[in-house]
Amino acid sequence: MPPRRQVTPPPPPPLSSSEQVLAGLAQILRQNAGTSQAARTEMPYEKFRKMGPPEFTDTTDPFVAEGWVRTLETIFRYMRPEDAARVSCAIFQLKDDAAL
């Protein structure tokens, strides 16, 4: 009995340009999957500190206080932390007599 010939399947048809784009995007998403998971597990305070929030020290000037609050609100809008994390981050920025 003669040996069996291996039949090689025909190569797949070439990808269209849109299919090539989608394949490239899928590859990028696979490569970045680990990075995005690490970013999601970053502690809220670490992310908050990277934003460079201002400290609040003892002052009775309401304009200074309002400016500080507005700055934190801007950071929190970007971060979208839970309410408990917002409070913890804001409290940590209170210094001197403001922290009492």
N, C-alpha and C. Protein backbone atom coordinates (compact mmCIF):
# COMPACT_ATOMS: atom_id res chain seq x y z
N MET A 1 0.84 -1.18 0.00
CA MET A 1 0.00 0.00 0.00
C MET A 1 0.89 1.24 0.00
N PRO A 2 0.65 2.18 -0.91
CA PRO A 2 1.50 3.37 -0.98
C PRO A 2 1.22 4.29 0.20
N PRO A 3 2.23 5.06 0.63
CA PRO A 3 2.02 5.99 1.75
C PRO A 3 0.99 7.05 1.38
N ARG A 4 0.29 7.48 2.41
CA ARG A 4 -0.74 8.51 2.20
C ARG A 4 -0.09 9.86 1.94
N ARG A 5 -0.69 10.57 1.04
CA ARG A 5 -0.21 11.92 0.78
C ARG A 5 -0.92 12.87 1.73
N GLN A 6 -0.15 13.75 2.27
CA GLN A 6 -0.77 14.76 3.11
C GLN A 6 -1.34 15.86 2.23
N VAL A 7 -2.58 16.15 2.49
CA VAL A 7 -3.25 17.18 1.71
C VAL A 7 -3.12 18.49 2.46
N THR A 8 -2.53 19.46 1.85
CA THR A 8 -2.36 20.77 2.45
C THR A 8 -3.57 21.62 2.10
N PRO A 9 -4.21 22.18 3.14
CA PRO A 9 -5.38 23.02 2.83
C PRO A 9 -4.94 24.28 2.11
N PRO A 10 -5.82 24.81 1.30
CA PRO A 10 -5.45 26.04 0.57
C PRO A 10 -5.27 27.19 1.56
N PRO A 11 -4.39 28.14 1.24
CA PRO A 11 -4.20 29.28 2.15
C PRO A 11 -5.48 30.12 2.22
N PRO A 12 -5.68 30.78 3.37
CA PRO A 12 -6.89 31.61 3.49
C PRO A 12 -6.80 32.79 2.52
N PRO A 13 -7.95 33.26 2.10
CA PRO A 13 -7.93 34.41 1.17
C PRO A 13 -7.34 35.63 1.88
N PRO A 14 -6.74 36.54 1.16
CA PRO A 14 -6.16 37.74 1.80
C PRO A 14 -7.26 38.57 2.46
N LEU A 15 -6.87 39.21 3.55
CA LEU A 15 -7.81 40.03 4.30
C LEU A 15 -8.06 41.35 3.58
N SER A 16 -9.28 41.81 3.67
CA SER A 16 -9.59 43.13 3.11
C SER A 16 -8.97 44.18 4.02
N SER A 17 -8.96 45.41 3.59
CA SER A 17 -8.33 46.47 4.40
C SER A 17 -9.06 46.65 5.73
N SER A 18 -10.39 46.55 5.73
CA SER A 18 -11.13 46.70 6.99
C SER A 18 -10.86 45.51 7.92
N GLU A 19 -10.72 44.33 7.35
CA GLU A 19 -10.40 43.16 8.17
C GLU A 19 -8.99 43.27 8.75
N GLN A 20 -8.07 43.85 8.00
CA GLN A 20 -6.71 44.06 8.49
C GLN A 20 -6.71 45.04 9.66
N VAL A 21 -7.50 46.10 9.54
CA VAL A 21 -7.60 47.09 10.61
C VAL A 21 -8.17 46.43 11.87
N LEU A 22 -9.24 45.68 11.70
CA LEU A 22 -9.85 45.00 12.85
C LEU A 22 -8.89 44.00 13.49
N ALA A 23 -8.14 43.27 12.67
CA ALA A 23 -7.17 42.32 13.21
C ALA A 23 -6.08 43.05 13.99
N GLY A 24 -5.64 44.18 13.48
CA GLY A 24 -4.65 44.98 14.19
C GLY A 24 -5.16 45.51 15.51
N LEU A 25 -6.41 45.99 15.51
CA LEU A 25 -7.02 46.47 16.76
C LEU A 25 -7.16 45.35 17.77
N ALA A 26 -7.55 44.17 17.30
CA ALA A 26 -7.68 43.03 18.21
C ALA A 26 -6.34 42.68 18.82
N GLN A 27 -5.29 42.75 18.05
CA GLN A 27 -3.95 42.46 18.57
C GLN A 27 -3.53 43.50 19.61
N ILE A 28 -3.80 44.76 19.36
CA ILE A 28 -3.46 45.82 20.32
C ILE A 28 -4.24 45.62 21.61
N LEU A 29 -5.51 45.28 21.50
CA LEU A 29 -6.32 45.05 22.70
C LEU A 29 -5.79 43.88 23.51
N ARG A 30 -5.37 42.82 22.84
CA ARG A 30 -4.79 41.67 23.56
C ARG A 30 -3.51 42.07 24.27
N GLN A 31 -2.68 42.88 23.63
CA GLN A 31 -1.41 43.30 24.22
C GLN A 31 -1.64 44.20 25.43
N ASN A 32 -2.65 45.05 25.38
CA ASN A 32 -2.90 46.02 26.45
C ASN A 32 -3.82 45.49 27.55
N ALA A 33 -4.31 44.28 27.42
CA ALA A 33 -5.25 43.75 28.41
C ALA A 33 -4.62 43.71 29.80
N GLY A 34 -3.38 43.28 29.91
CA GLY A 34 -2.71 43.23 31.21
C GLY A 34 -2.48 44.61 31.79
N THR A 35 -2.13 45.56 30.96
CA THR A 35 -1.88 46.92 31.42
C THR A 35 -3.15 47.56 31.95
N SER A 36 -4.26 47.40 31.25
CA SER A 36 -5.49 48.03 31.69
C SER A 36 -5.99 47.40 32.99
N GLN A 37 -5.76 46.10 33.17
CA GLN A 37 -6.15 45.45 34.42
C GLN A 37 -5.34 46.02 35.57
N ALA A 38 -4.05 46.26 35.36
CA ALA A 38 -3.21 46.84 36.42
C ALA A 38 -3.67 48.25 36.74
N ALA A 39 -4.06 49.01 35.73
CA ALA A 39 -4.52 50.38 35.98
C ALA A 39 -5.81 50.39 36.78
N ARG A 40 -6.69 49.41 36.55
CA ARG A 40 -7.94 49.36 37.29
C ARG A 40 -7.72 48.99 38.76
N THR A 41 -6.67 48.24 39.04
CA THR A 41 -6.43 47.82 40.42
C THR A 41 -5.61 48.83 41.21
N GLU A 42 -5.19 49.91 40.57
CA GLU A 42 -4.43 50.95 41.26
C GLU A 42 -5.30 51.58 42.35
N MET A 43 -4.73 51.79 43.50
CA MET A 43 -5.47 52.35 44.62
C MET A 43 -5.91 53.78 44.27
N PRO A 44 -7.13 54.16 44.68
CA PRO A 44 -7.61 55.51 44.35
C PRO A 44 -6.69 56.61 44.84
N TYR A 45 -6.11 56.45 46.03
CA TYR A 45 -5.26 57.51 46.55
C TYR A 45 -4.00 57.67 45.71
N GLU A 46 -3.43 56.56 45.22
CA GLU A 46 -2.24 56.65 44.38
C GLU A 46 -2.55 57.41 43.09
N LYS A 47 -3.68 57.10 42.51
CA LYS A 47 -4.09 57.81 41.29
C LYS A 47 -4.34 59.29 41.59
N PHE A 48 -4.96 59.56 42.73
CA PHE A 48 -5.24 60.94 43.16
C PHE A 48 -3.95 61.72 43.32
N ARG A 49 -2.95 61.14 43.98
CA ARG A 49 -1.67 61.84 44.21
C ARG A 49 -0.96 62.14 42.90
N LYS A 50 -1.11 61.27 41.92
CA LYS A 50 -0.47 61.50 40.62
C LYS A 50 -1.06 62.73 39.91
N MET A 51 -2.26 63.12 40.29
CA MET A 51 -2.92 64.27 39.68
C MET A 51 -2.40 65.59 40.25
N GLY A 52 -1.59 65.54 41.31
CA GLY A 52 -1.02 66.75 41.90
C GLY A 52 -2.01 67.63 42.63
N PRO A 53 -2.81 67.07 43.52
CA PRO A 53 -3.82 67.88 44.22
C PRO A 53 -3.17 68.87 45.19
N PRO A 54 -3.77 70.02 45.37
CA PRO A 54 -3.19 71.00 46.31
C PRO A 54 -3.53 70.61 47.76
N GLU A 55 -2.66 71.03 48.66
CA GLU A 55 -2.94 70.85 50.08
C GLU A 55 -3.75 72.04 50.56
N PHE A 56 -4.52 71.83 51.62
CA PHE A 56 -5.30 72.92 52.21
C PHE A 56 -4.78 73.12 53.62
N THR A 57 -4.29 74.33 53.90
CA THR A 57 -3.80 74.66 55.24
C THR A 57 -4.78 75.62 55.90
N ASP A 58 -4.50 75.92 57.12
CA ASP A 58 -5.41 76.77 57.89
C ASP A 58 -5.51 78.17 57.29
N THR A 59 -6.68 78.48 56.79
CA THR A 59 -6.98 79.80 56.26
C THR A 59 -8.46 80.08 56.51
N THR A 60 -8.77 81.31 56.66
CA THR A 60 -10.17 81.69 56.84
C THR A 60 -10.73 82.38 55.60
N ASP A 61 -9.93 82.44 54.54
CA ASP A 61 -10.35 83.07 53.29
C ASP A 61 -11.28 82.12 52.52
N PRO A 62 -12.55 82.48 52.38
CA PRO A 62 -13.48 81.58 51.69
C PRO A 62 -13.15 81.38 50.22
N PHE A 63 -12.49 82.34 49.59
CA PHE A 63 -12.13 82.19 48.18
C PHE A 63 -11.04 81.13 48.01
N VAL A 64 -10.10 81.08 48.95
CA VAL A 64 -9.06 80.05 48.91
C VAL A 64 -9.69 78.68 49.10
N ALA A 65 -10.61 78.58 50.07
CA ALA A 65 -11.28 77.30 50.33
C ALA A 65 -12.10 76.85 49.11
N GLU A 66 -12.82 77.78 48.51
CA GLU A 66 -13.62 77.43 47.35
C GLU A 66 -12.75 77.00 46.18
N GLY A 67 -11.63 77.66 45.99
CA GLY A 67 -10.70 77.27 44.92
C GLY A 67 -10.14 75.88 45.14
N TRP A 68 -9.83 75.56 46.40
CA TRP A 68 -9.32 74.23 46.72
C TRP A 68 -10.38 73.17 46.42
N VAL A 69 -11.60 73.42 46.84
CA VAL A 69 -12.70 72.46 46.61
C VAL A 69 -12.92 72.26 45.11
N ARG A 70 -12.91 73.34 44.35
CA ARG A 70 -13.12 73.24 42.90
C ARG A 70 -12.01 72.43 42.23
N THR A 71 -10.79 72.61 42.70
CA THR A 71 -9.68 71.85 42.14
C THR A 71 -9.87 70.36 42.41
N LEU A 72 -10.25 70.01 43.64
CA LEU A 72 -10.49 68.60 43.96
C LEU A 72 -11.65 68.05 43.16
N GLU A 73 -12.71 68.83 42.99
CA GLU A 73 -13.85 68.37 42.21
C GLU A 73 -13.46 68.06 40.77
N THR A 74 -12.58 68.87 40.21
CA THR A 74 -12.11 68.63 38.84
C THR A 74 -11.36 67.31 38.76
N ILE A 75 -10.49 67.07 39.73
CA ILE A 75 -9.74 65.81 39.76
C ILE A 75 -10.71 64.63 39.93
N PHE A 76 -11.67 64.77 40.82
CA PHE A 76 -12.62 63.68 41.07
C PHE A 76 -13.51 63.40 39.85
N ARG A 77 -13.85 64.43 39.08
CA ARG A 77 -14.63 64.21 37.86
C ARG A 77 -13.85 63.34 36.89
N TYR A 78 -12.56 63.56 36.83
CA TYR A 78 -11.72 62.77 35.93
C TYR A 78 -11.55 61.34 36.46
N MET A 79 -11.32 61.21 37.77
CA MET A 79 -11.05 59.90 38.37
C MET A 79 -12.29 59.03 38.52
N ARG A 80 -13.42 59.66 38.83
CA ARG A 80 -14.68 58.97 39.12
C ARG A 80 -14.55 57.96 40.26
N PRO A 81 -13.99 58.39 41.41
CA PRO A 81 -13.88 57.45 42.53
C PRO A 81 -15.21 57.33 43.28
N GLU A 82 -15.29 56.32 44.13
CA GLU A 82 -16.47 56.19 44.98
C GLU A 82 -16.44 57.31 46.02
N ASP A 83 -17.59 57.56 46.65
CA ASP A 83 -17.69 58.64 47.62
C ASP A 83 -16.71 58.48 48.78
N ALA A 84 -16.56 57.26 49.27
CA ALA A 84 -15.65 57.02 50.40
C ALA A 84 -14.21 57.38 50.02
N ALA A 85 -13.82 57.07 48.80
CA ALA A 85 -12.47 57.39 48.33
C ALA A 85 -12.30 58.90 48.19
N ARG A 86 -13.33 59.60 47.76
CA ARG A 86 -13.27 61.06 47.65
C ARG A 86 -12.99 61.68 49.02
N VAL A 87 -13.73 61.21 50.01
CA VAL A 87 -13.57 61.76 51.37
C VAL A 87 -12.17 61.48 51.89
N SER A 88 -11.70 60.25 51.73
CA SER A 88 -10.36 59.89 52.21
C SER A 88 -9.28 60.72 51.53
N CYS A 89 -9.39 60.90 50.23
CA CYS A 89 -8.39 61.68 49.49
C CYS A 89 -8.40 63.14 49.93
N ALA A 90 -9.60 63.71 50.09
CA ALA A 90 -9.70 65.12 50.50
C ALA A 90 -9.16 65.32 51.91
N ILE A 91 -9.49 64.42 52.81
CA ILE A 91 -9.01 64.54 54.20
C ILE A 91 -7.49 64.49 54.24
N PHE A 92 -6.88 63.66 53.42
CA PHE A 92 -5.43 63.54 53.43
C PHE A 92 -4.75 64.82 52.96
N GLN A 93 -5.45 65.66 52.22
CA GLN A 93 -4.87 66.92 51.75
C GLN A 93 -5.01 68.05 52.77
N LEU A 94 -5.71 67.82 53.86
CA LEU A 94 -5.83 68.84 54.91
C LEU A 94 -4.55 68.84 55.75
N LYS A 95 -3.96 70.00 55.93
CA LYS A 95 -2.70 70.11 56.67
C LYS A 95 -2.83 71.14 57.79
N ASP A 96 -1.92 71.08 58.73
CA ASP A 96 -1.83 71.99 59.85
C ASP A 96 -3.17 72.05 60.62
N ASP A 97 -3.64 73.25 60.93
CA ASP A 97 -4.87 73.38 61.71
C ASP A 97 -6.11 72.91 60.96
N ALA A 98 -6.06 72.89 59.65
CA ALA A 98 -7.21 72.43 58.86
C ALA A 98 -7.47 70.93 59.08
N ALA A 99 -6.44 70.21 59.49
CA ALA A 99 -6.58 68.76 59.68
C ALA A 99 -7.17 68.41 61.04
N LEU A 100 -7.28 69.37 61.92
CA LEU A 100 -7.78 69.07 63.27
C LEU A 100 -9.25 68.87 63.31
